[in-house]
Amino acid sequence: MTRVAERYAEAAGEAAVVCRDVRFRAGTKEILSGVSLTVQPGEIAGVLGPNGAGKSTLFRILSGIVPPDAGWVRLFGRPAGVGTLSDTALLPDRSRLPGWLTVREWLGFAARIYPDWDPDRAAELVDHLQVPLESRISTLSRGQDARLQMLTCLARRARVVLLDEPFAGVDLVSRERIATSVVRELASGERACLIATHDVRELEQLFDRIVLLDRGRVMTEESVEALRARGISVEQRYREVFGA
């Protein structure tokens, strides 16, 4: 094993997420072109970039749902795939919850399909996120639906939480409740959270690390603390890289 490979192997055993040279194509179009990143337990990482940057595809690969065409992903030292599905909770960029169920019925169903479901945590989140238990999912407002999806992610014991555009079209009150729930759930330092978004201003106070992604390539990966030490905000860094 080369010295570089040894360092990668060591990182894979310690980090929550290690992604190395991941590539993915859809037909003739290259969606991800050699993506590498590392996220530690307890960190909230922002995967930032414009629409079409490859963020959603990357999250599906990290979750183990879709295999990469090349490269590799490790979650707490294990190869991403079927064996790590219980380690990841993915909030997709579009709601896919069954609209004909009430919220209470959905939570009961979720408790049966997710082996790592924590009923006590779910009950706390129902109260904190103020999700209406007796309403049908199809009648929920966009903010209520977003809060229910967040509850579904955070009520699991999964050690890696992947949130794809969690604030898209969501009202201010819902954003605040979602943000405080994410921070509270990561307080133990045992879990890691990656948030994909192009809405930098709303979320930058949450991030410990940022990965700027454009056209399937990592433009830069940086510590937010180091940026602030230089007097640079996440939004400023985003604008520097993307010319926004």
C-alpha atoms as a PDB file:
ATOM      1  CA  MET A   1       0.000   0.000   0.000  1.00  0.00           C
ATOM      2  CA  THR A   2       1.393   3.434  -0.923  1.00  0.00           C
ATOM      3  CA  ARG A   3       1.814   6.163   1.693  1.00  0.00           C
ATOM      4  CA  VAL A   4      -1.078   8.132   0.156  1.00  0.00           C
ATOM      5  CA  ALA A   5      -3.306   5.049   0.223  1.00  0.00           C
ATOM      6  CA  GLU A   6      -2.351   4.449   3.866  1.00  0.00           C
ATOM      7  CA  ARG A   7      -3.407   7.983   4.746  1.00  0.00           C
ATOM      8  CA  TYR A   8      -6.729   7.492   2.967  1.00  0.00           C
ATOM      9  CA  ALA A   9      -7.305   4.170   4.706  1.00  0.00           C
ATOM     10  CA  GLU A  10      -6.552   5.756   8.093  1.00  0.00           C
ATOM     11  CA  ALA A  11      -8.948   8.624   7.347  1.00  0.00           C
ATOM     12  CA  ALA A  12     -11.663   6.182   6.282  1.00  0.00           C
ATOM     13  CA  GLY A  13     -11.451   4.443   9.665  1.00  0.00           C
ATOM     14  CA  GLU A  14     -11.796   7.687  11.653  1.00  0.00           C
ATOM     15  CA  ALA A  15     -14.072   9.915   9.589  1.00  0.00           C
ATOM     16  CA  ALA A  16     -17.838   9.774   9.275  1.00  0.00           C
ATOM     17  CA  VAL A  17     -17.633  10.195   5.489  1.00  0.00           C
ATOM     18  CA  VAL A  18     -14.672   9.765   3.175  1.00  0.00           C
ATOM     19  CA  CYS A  19     -15.254  10.152  -0.560  1.00  0.00           C
ATOM     20  CA  ARG A  20     -12.340   9.649  -2.966  1.00  0.00           C
ATOM     21  CA  ASP A  21     -12.237  10.347  -6.707  1.00  0.00           C
ATOM     22  CA  VAL A  22     -15.937   9.526  -7.198  1.00  0.00           C
ATOM     23  CA  ARG A  23     -17.154   9.631 -10.779  1.00  0.00           C
ATOM     24  CA  PHE A  24     -20.615   9.123 -12.211  1.00  0.00           C
ATOM     25  CA  ARG A  25     -22.117   9.361 -15.688  1.00  0.00           C
ATOM     26  CA  ALA A  26     -25.706   9.474 -16.902  1.00  0.00           C
ATOM     27  CA  GLY A  27     -25.528   8.289 -20.484  1.00  0.00           C
ATOM     28  CA  THR A  28     -22.879  10.401 -22.174  1.00  0.00           C
ATOM     29  CA  LYS A  29     -23.030  13.179 -19.559  1.00  0.00           C
ATOM     30  CA  GLU A  30     -20.506  13.187 -16.744  1.00  0.00           C
ATOM     31  CA  ILE A  31     -22.326  14.224 -13.541  1.00  0.00           C
ATOM     32  CA  LEU A  32     -19.457  13.802 -11.045  1.00  0.00           C
ATOM     33  CA  SER A  33     -15.816  14.147 -12.066  1.00  0.00           C
ATOM     34  CA  GLY A  34     -13.431  12.883  -9.389  1.00  0.00           C
ATOM     35  CA  VAL A  35     -15.160  14.170  -6.239  1.00  0.00           C
ATOM     36  CA  SER A  36     -13.225  13.852  -2.962  1.00  0.00           C
ATOM     37  CA  LEU A  37     -14.247  15.085   0.501  1.00  0.00           C
ATOM     38  CA  THR A  38     -14.007  14.191   4.191  1.00  0.00           C
ATOM     39  CA  VAL A  39     -16.488  14.880   7.011  1.00  0.00           C
ATOM     40  CA  GLN A  40     -15.843  14.089  10.667  1.00  0.00           C
ATOM     41  CA  PRO A  41     -18.375  12.947  13.313  1.00  0.00           C
ATOM     42  CA  GLY A  42     -20.128  15.940  14.854  1.00  0.00           C
ATOM     43  CA  GLU A  43     -19.560  18.151  11.817  1.00  0.00           C
ATOM     44  CA  ILE A  44     -22.196  19.898   9.733  1.00  0.00           C
ATOM     45  CA  ALA A  45     -20.829  20.189   6.202  1.00  0.00           C
ATOM     46  CA  GLY A  46     -22.342  22.370   3.523  1.00  0.00           C
ATOM     47  CA  VAL A  47     -22.121  20.950   0.014  1.00  0.00           C
ATOM     48  CA  LEU A  48     -22.642  24.170  -1.886  1.00  0.00           C
ATOM     49  CA  GLY A  49     -23.050  24.950  -5.530  1.00  0.00           C
ATOM     50  CA  PRO A  50     -25.443  26.115  -8.248  1.00  0.00           C
ATOM     51  CA  ASN A  51     -28.275  24.006  -9.616  1.00  0.00           C
ATOM     52  CA  GLY A  52     -26.920  21.171 -11.736  1.00  0.00           C
ATOM     53  CA  ALA A  53     -23.626  20.968  -9.821  1.00  0.00           C
ATOM     54  CA  GLY A  54     -24.168  17.273  -9.005  1.00  0.00           C
ATOM     55  CA  LYS A  55     -25.161  17.646  -5.344  1.00  0.00           C
ATOM     56  CA  SER A  56     -28.210  15.355  -5.439  1.00  0.00           C
ATOM     57  CA  THR A  57     -26.331  12.647  -7.346  1.00  0.00           C
ATOM     58  CA  LEU A  58     -23.490  12.810  -4.835  1.00  0.00           C
ATOM     59  CA  PHE A  59     -25.943  12.399  -1.945  1.00  0.00           C
ATOM     60  CA  ARG A  60     -27.533   9.334  -3.533  1.00  0.00           C
ATOM     61  CA  ILE A  61     -24.065   7.806  -3.857  1.00  0.00           C
ATOM     62  CA  LEU A  62     -23.128   8.694  -0.269  1.00  0.00           C
ATOM     63  CA  SER A  63     -26.383   7.151   0.948  1.00  0.00           C
ATOM     64  CA  GLY A  64     -25.533   3.850  -0.736  1.00  0.00           C
ATOM     65  CA  ILE A  65     -28.577   3.937  -3.010  1.00  0.00           C
ATOM     66  CA  VAL A  66     -26.540   4.449  -6.207  1.00  0.00           C
ATOM     67  CA  PRO A  67     -23.019   3.045  -6.775  1.00  0.00           C
ATOM     68  CA  PRO A  68     -20.371   5.295  -8.346  1.00  0.00           C
ATOM     69  CA  ASP A  69     -18.911   4.430 -11.726  1.00  0.00           C
ATOM     70  CA  ALA A  70     -15.435   4.911 -10.255  1.00  0.00           C
ATOM     71  CA  GLY A  71     -13.856   5.888  -6.948  1.00  0.00           C
ATOM     72  CA  TRP A  72     -15.044   4.899  -3.483  1.00  0.00           C
ATOM     73  CA  VAL A  73     -17.002   6.057  -0.433  1.00  0.00           C
ATOM     74  CA  ARG A  74     -16.558   4.964   3.195  1.00  0.00           C
ATOM     75  CA  LEU A  75     -18.982   5.684   6.026  1.00  0.00           C
ATOM     76  CA  PHE A  76     -17.325   5.200   9.399  1.00  0.00           C
ATOM     77  CA  GLY A  77     -14.821   2.955   7.648  1.00  0.00           C
ATOM     78  CA  ARG A  78     -17.359   0.788   5.758  1.00  0.00           C
ATOM     79  CA  PRO A  79     -17.901   0.838   1.983  1.00  0.00           C
ATOM     80  CA  ALA A  80     -21.111   2.696   1.077  1.00  0.00           C
ATOM     81  CA  GLY A  81     -23.806   0.401  -0.271  1.00  0.00           C
ATOM     82  CA  VAL A  82     -26.484  -1.996   0.957  1.00  0.00           C
ATOM     83  CA  GLY A  83     -24.487  -2.654   4.121  1.00  0.00           C
ATOM     84  CA  THR A  84     -24.520   1.018   5.146  1.00  0.00           C
ATOM     85  CA  LEU A  85     -28.140   1.915   4.373  1.00  0.00           C
ATOM     86  CA  SER A  86     -28.929   1.866   8.092  1.00  0.00           C
ATOM     87  CA  ASP A  87     -26.085   4.344   8.678  1.00  0.00           C
ATOM     88  CA  THR A  88     -27.606   7.026   6.444  1.00  0.00           C
ATOM     89  CA  ALA A  89     -30.792   9.071   6.587  1.00  0.00           C
ATOM     90  CA  LEU A  90     -31.453  10.898   3.314  1.00  0.00           C
ATOM     91  CA  LEU A  91     -33.866  13.800   2.978  1.00  0.00           C
ATOM     92  CA  PRO A  92     -34.481  14.091  -0.782  1.00  0.00           C
ATOM     93  CA  ASP A  93     -34.957  17.373  -2.622  1.00  0.00           C
ATOM     94  CA  ARG A  94     -38.594  16.489  -3.351  1.00  0.00           C
ATOM     95  CA  SER A  95     -41.233  15.046  -1.044  1.00  0.00           C
ATOM     96  CA  ARG A  96     -41.941  11.364  -1.571  1.00  0.00           C
ATOM     97  CA  LEU A  97     -44.078  10.664   1.494  1.00  0.00           C
ATOM     98  CA  PRO A  98     -47.443   8.894   0.935  1.00  0.00           C
ATOM     99  CA  GLY A  99     -50.011  11.668   0.787  1.00  0.00           C
ATOM    100  CA  TRP A 100     -52.987   9.447   1.603  1.00  0.00           C
ATOM    101  CA  LEU A 101     -51.700   8.706   5.135  1.00  0.00           C
ATOM    102  CA  THR A 102     -52.098  10.918   8.165  1.00  0.00           C
ATOM    103  CA  VAL A 103     -48.913  12.051   9.867  1.00  0.00           C
ATOM    104  CA  ARG A 104     -49.639   9.683  12.766  1.00  0.00           C
ATOM    105  CA  GLU A 105     -50.137   6.758  10.354  1.00  0.00           C
ATOM    106  CA  TRP A 106     -46.906   7.593   8.520  1.00  0.00           C
ATOM    107  CA  LEU A 107     -44.904   7.698  11.764  1.00  0.00           C
ATOM    108  CA  GLY A 108     -46.312   4.315  12.747  1.00  0.00           C
ATOM    109  CA  PHE A 109     -45.352   2.965   9.310  1.00  0.00           C
ATOM    110  CA  ALA A 110     -41.874   4.499   9.560  1.00  0.00           C
ATOM    111  CA  ALA A 111     -41.347   2.820  12.928  1.00  0.00           C
ATOM    112  CA  ARG A 112     -41.927  -0.546  11.226  1.00  0.00           C
ATOM    113  CA  ILE A 113     -39.801  -0.035   8.112  1.00  0.00           C
ATOM    114  CA  TYR A 114     -36.752   1.597   9.751  1.00  0.00           C
ATOM    115  CA  PRO A 115     -34.972  -0.792  12.155  1.00  0.00           C
ATOM    116  CA  ASP A 116     -33.107   2.160  13.690  1.00  0.00           C
ATOM    117  CA  TRP A 117     -36.267   4.183  14.432  1.00  0.00           C
ATOM    118  CA  ASP A 118     -36.220   5.869  17.864  1.00  0.00           C
ATOM    119  CA  PRO A 119     -39.825   6.391  19.083  1.00  0.00           C
ATOM    120  CA  ASP A 120     -38.791   8.621  21.975  1.00  0.00           C
ATOM    121  CA  ARG A 121     -36.824  10.897  19.677  1.00  0.00           C
ATOM    122  CA  ALA A 122     -39.739  10.928  17.213  1.00  0.00           C
ATOM    123  CA  ALA A 123     -42.118  12.042  19.968  1.00  0.00           C
ATOM    124  CA  GLU A 124     -39.756  14.853  20.986  1.00  0.00           C
ATOM    125  CA  LEU A 125     -39.419  15.992  17.377  1.00  0.00           C
ATOM    126  CA  VAL A 126     -43.208  15.985  16.849  1.00  0.00           C
ATOM    127  CA  ASP A 127     -43.423  18.463  19.708  1.00  0.00           C
ATOM    128  CA  HIS A 128     -40.395  20.542  18.723  1.00  0.00           C
ATOM    129  CA  LEU A 129     -41.221  20.741  15.008  1.00  0.00           C
ATOM    130  CA  GLN A 130     -44.967  21.106  15.672  1.00  0.00           C
ATOM    131  CA  VAL A 131     -46.109  18.555  13.111  1.00  0.00           C
ATOM    132  CA  PRO A 132     -49.936  18.034  13.061  1.00  0.00           C
ATOM    133  CA  LEU A 133     -50.423  14.330  13.760  1.00  0.00           C
ATOM    134  CA  GLU A 134     -54.017  14.006  12.545  1.00  0.00           C
ATOM    135  CA  SER A 135     -53.576  15.811   9.207  1.00  0.00           C
ATOM    136  CA  ARG A 136     -53.209  13.909   5.957  1.00  0.00           C
ATOM    137  CA  ILE A 137     -49.792  14.409   4.401  1.00  0.00           C
ATOM    138  CA  SER A 138     -51.389  15.621   1.161  1.00  0.00           C
ATOM    139  CA  THR A 139     -52.978  18.548   3.044  1.00  0.00           C
ATOM    140  CA  LEU A 140     -49.808  19.755   4.759  1.00  0.00           C
ATOM    141  CA  SER A 141     -48.326  23.106   3.887  1.00  0.00           C
ATOM    142  CA  ARG A 142     -44.875  23.088   2.328  1.00  0.00           C
ATOM    143  CA  GLY A 143     -43.333  24.065   5.649  1.00  0.00           C
ATOM    144  CA  GLN A 144     -45.191  21.331   7.535  1.00  0.00           C
ATOM    145  CA  ASP A 145     -44.205  18.758   4.914  1.00  0.00           C
ATOM    146  CA  ALA A 146     -40.548  19.825   5.195  1.00  0.00           C
ATOM    147  CA  ARG A 147     -40.694  19.516   8.978  1.00  0.00           C
ATOM    148  CA  LEU A 148     -42.221  16.034   8.697  1.00  0.00           C
ATOM    149  CA  GLN A 149     -39.486  14.917   6.323  1.00  0.00           C
ATOM    150  CA  MET A 150     -36.875  16.306   8.707  1.00  0.00           C
ATOM    151  CA  LEU A 151     -38.514  14.459  11.587  1.00  0.00           C
ATOM    152  CA  THR A 152     -38.365  11.231   9.554  1.00  0.00           C
ATOM    153  CA  CYS A 153     -34.609  11.682   9.084  1.00  0.00           C
ATOM    154  CA  LEU A 154     -33.721  12.751  12.600  1.00  0.00           C
ATOM    155  CA  ALA A 155     -35.889  10.171  14.408  1.00  0.00           C
ATOM    156  CA  ARG A 156     -33.589   7.477  13.061  1.00  0.00           C
ATOM    157  CA  ARG A 157     -30.311   6.557  14.759  1.00  0.00           C
ATOM    158  CA  ALA A 158     -28.434   6.835  11.446  1.00  0.00           C
ATOM    159  CA  ARG A 159     -24.983   8.289  12.004  1.00  0.00           C
ATOM    160  CA  VAL A 160     -24.858  10.175   8.690  1.00  0.00           C
ATOM    161  CA  VAL A 161     -27.698  12.588   7.858  1.00  0.00           C
ATOM    162  CA  LEU A 162     -27.932  13.855   4.267  1.00  0.00           C
ATOM    163  CA  LEU A 163     -30.219  16.849   3.695  1.00  0.00           C
ATOM    164  CA  ASP A 164     -30.811  17.842   0.084  1.00  0.00           C
ATOM    165  CA  GLU A 165     -32.117  21.444  -0.145  1.00  0.00           C
ATOM    166  CA  PRO A 166     -33.985  21.228   3.192  1.00  0.00           C
ATOM    167  CA  PHE A 167     -35.112  24.870   3.107  1.00  0.00           C
ATOM    168  CA  ALA A 168     -36.342  25.098  -0.491  1.00  0.00           C
ATOM    169  CA  GLY A 169     -39.609  27.048  -0.500  1.00  0.00           C
ATOM    170  CA  VAL A 170     -39.963  26.770   3.286  1.00  0.00           C
ATOM    171  CA  ASP A 171     -41.252  29.613   5.489  1.00  0.00           C
ATOM    172  CA  LEU A 172     -39.028  31.381   8.011  1.00  0.00           C
ATOM    173  CA  VAL A 173     -40.542  29.743  11.115  1.00  0.00           C
ATOM    174  CA  SER A 174     -40.084  26.268   9.623  1.00  0.00           C
ATOM    175  CA  ARG A 175     -36.491  27.080   8.715  1.00  0.00           C
ATOM    176  CA  GLU A 176     -35.731  28.120  12.279  1.00  0.00           C
ATOM    177  CA  ARG A 177     -37.306  24.994  13.742  1.00  0.00           C
ATOM    178  CA  ILE A 178     -35.504  22.728  11.286  1.00  0.00           C
ATOM    179  CA  ALA A 179     -32.150  24.415  11.914  1.00  0.00           C
ATOM    180  CA  THR A 180     -32.402  24.154  15.696  1.00  0.00           C
ATOM    181  CA  SER A 181     -33.443  20.499  15.419  1.00  0.00           C
ATOM    182  CA  VAL A 182     -30.418  19.672  13.267  1.00  0.00           C
ATOM    183  CA  VAL A 183     -28.014  21.355  15.690  1.00  0.00           C
ATOM    184  CA  ARG A 184     -29.617  19.691  18.698  1.00  0.00           C
ATOM    185  CA  GLU A 185     -29.470  16.228  17.140  1.00  0.00           C
ATOM    186  CA  LEU A 186     -25.753  16.622  16.389  1.00  0.00           C
ATOM    187  CA  ALA A 187     -24.852  17.866  19.868  1.00  0.00           C
ATOM    188  CA  SER A 188     -23.536  14.453  20.968  1.00  0.00           C
ATOM    189  CA  GLY A 189     -20.752  14.610  18.361  1.00  0.00           C
ATOM    190  CA  GLU A 190     -21.477  11.043  17.213  1.00  0.00           C
ATOM    191  CA  ARG A 191     -23.332  11.929  14.000  1.00  0.00           C
ATOM    192  CA  ALA A 192     -22.391  13.883  10.892  1.00  0.00           C
ATOM    193  CA  CYS A 193     -24.652  15.961   8.687  1.00  0.00           C
ATOM    194  CA  LEU A 194     -24.178  17.053   5.075  1.00  0.00           C
ATOM    195  CA  ILE A 195     -26.490  19.727   3.698  1.00  0.00           C
ATOM    196  CA  ALA A 196     -26.686  20.310  -0.050  1.00  0.00           C
ATOM    197  CA  THR A 197     -27.875  23.783  -0.977  1.00  0.00           C
ATOM    198  CA  HIS A 198     -27.336  26.825  -3.144  1.00  0.00           C
ATOM    199  CA  ASP A 199     -29.031  28.997  -0.493  1.00  0.00           C
ATOM    200  CA  VAL A 200     -25.820  29.941   1.313  1.00  0.00           C
ATOM    201  CA  ARG A 201     -26.965  32.963   3.315  1.00  0.00           C
ATOM    202  CA  GLU A 202     -29.723  31.097   5.147  1.00  0.00           C
ATOM    203  CA  LEU A 203     -27.507  28.219   6.298  1.00  0.00           C
ATOM    204  CA  GLU A 204     -23.956  29.450   6.680  1.00  0.00           C
ATOM    205  CA  GLN A 205     -24.184  29.806  10.473  1.00  0.00           C
ATOM    206  CA  LEU A 206     -24.740  26.042  10.734  1.00  0.00           C
ATOM    207  CA  PHE A 207     -21.660  24.918   8.829  1.00  0.00           C
ATOM    208  CA  ASP A 208     -18.387  23.635  10.277  1.00  0.00           C
ATOM    209  CA  ARG A 209     -17.025  22.750   6.827  1.00  0.00           C
ATOM    210  CA  ILE A 210     -17.916  23.661   3.254  1.00  0.00           C
ATOM    211  CA  VAL A 211     -17.416  21.814  -0.007  1.00  0.00           C
ATOM    212  CA  LEU A 212     -17.970  23.958  -3.096  1.00  0.00           C
ATOM    213  CA  LEU A 213     -19.120  21.846  -6.030  1.00  0.00           C
ATOM    214  CA  ASP A 214     -19.556  22.954  -9.637  1.00  0.00           C
ATOM    215  CA  ARG A 215     -20.217  20.851 -12.741  1.00  0.00           C
ATOM    216  CA  GLY A 216     -19.379  17.695 -10.836  1.00  0.00           C
ATOM    217  CA  ARG A 217     -16.022  18.915  -9.527  1.00  0.00           C
ATOM    218  CA  VAL A 218     -14.929  20.016  -6.060  1.00  0.00           C
ATOM    219  CA  MET A 219     -13.669  23.575  -6.398  1.00  0.00           C
ATOM    220  CA  THR A 220     -12.541  23.799  -2.774  1.00  0.00           C
ATOM    221  CA  GLU A 221     -13.097  22.143   0.624  1.00  0.00           C
ATOM    222  CA  GLU A 222     -12.519  24.399   3.630  1.00  0.00           C
ATOM    223  CA  SER A 223     -13.016  24.789   7.365  1.00  0.00           C
ATOM    224  CA  VAL A 224     -15.490  27.545   8.200  1.00  0.00           C
ATOM    225  CA  GLU A 225     -13.509  28.375  11.330  1.00  0.00           C
ATOM    226  CA  ALA A 226     -10.407  28.958   9.193  1.00  0.00           C
ATOM    227  CA  LEU A 227     -12.410  31.189   6.855  1.00  0.00           C
ATOM    228  CA  ARG A 228     -13.726  33.281   9.732  1.00  0.00           C
ATOM    229  CA  ALA A 229     -10.205  33.604  11.140  1.00  0.00           C
ATOM    230  CA  ARG A 230      -9.332  35.291   7.838  1.00  0.00           C
ATOM    231  CA  GLY A 231     -12.376  37.565   8.124  1.00  0.00           C
ATOM    232  CA  ILE A 232     -14.243  35.793   5.275  1.00  0.00           C
ATOM    233  CA  SER A 233     -17.844  34.598   5.467  1.00  0.00           C
ATOM    234  CA  VAL A 234     -19.140  31.499   3.714  1.00  0.00           C
ATOM    235  CA  GLU A 235     -21.175  33.718   1.390  1.00  0.00           C
ATOM    236  CA  GLN A 236     -18.095  35.750   0.466  1.00  0.00           C
ATOM    237  CA  ARG A 237     -16.122  32.585  -0.265  1.00  0.00           C
ATOM    238  CA  TYR A 238     -18.984  31.266  -2.376  1.00  0.00           C
ATOM    239  CA  ARG A 239     -19.002  34.478  -4.394  1.00  0.00           C
ATOM    240  CA  GLU A 240     -15.220  34.346  -4.832  1.00  0.00           C
ATOM    241  CA  VAL A 241     -15.352  30.831  -6.244  1.00  0.00           C
ATOM    242  CA  PHE A 242     -18.468  31.132  -8.376  1.00  0.00           C
ATOM    243  CA  GLY A 243     -18.329  34.824  -9.232  1.00  0.00           C
ATOM    244  CA  ALA A 244     -21.865  35.219  -7.914  1.00  0.00           C
END
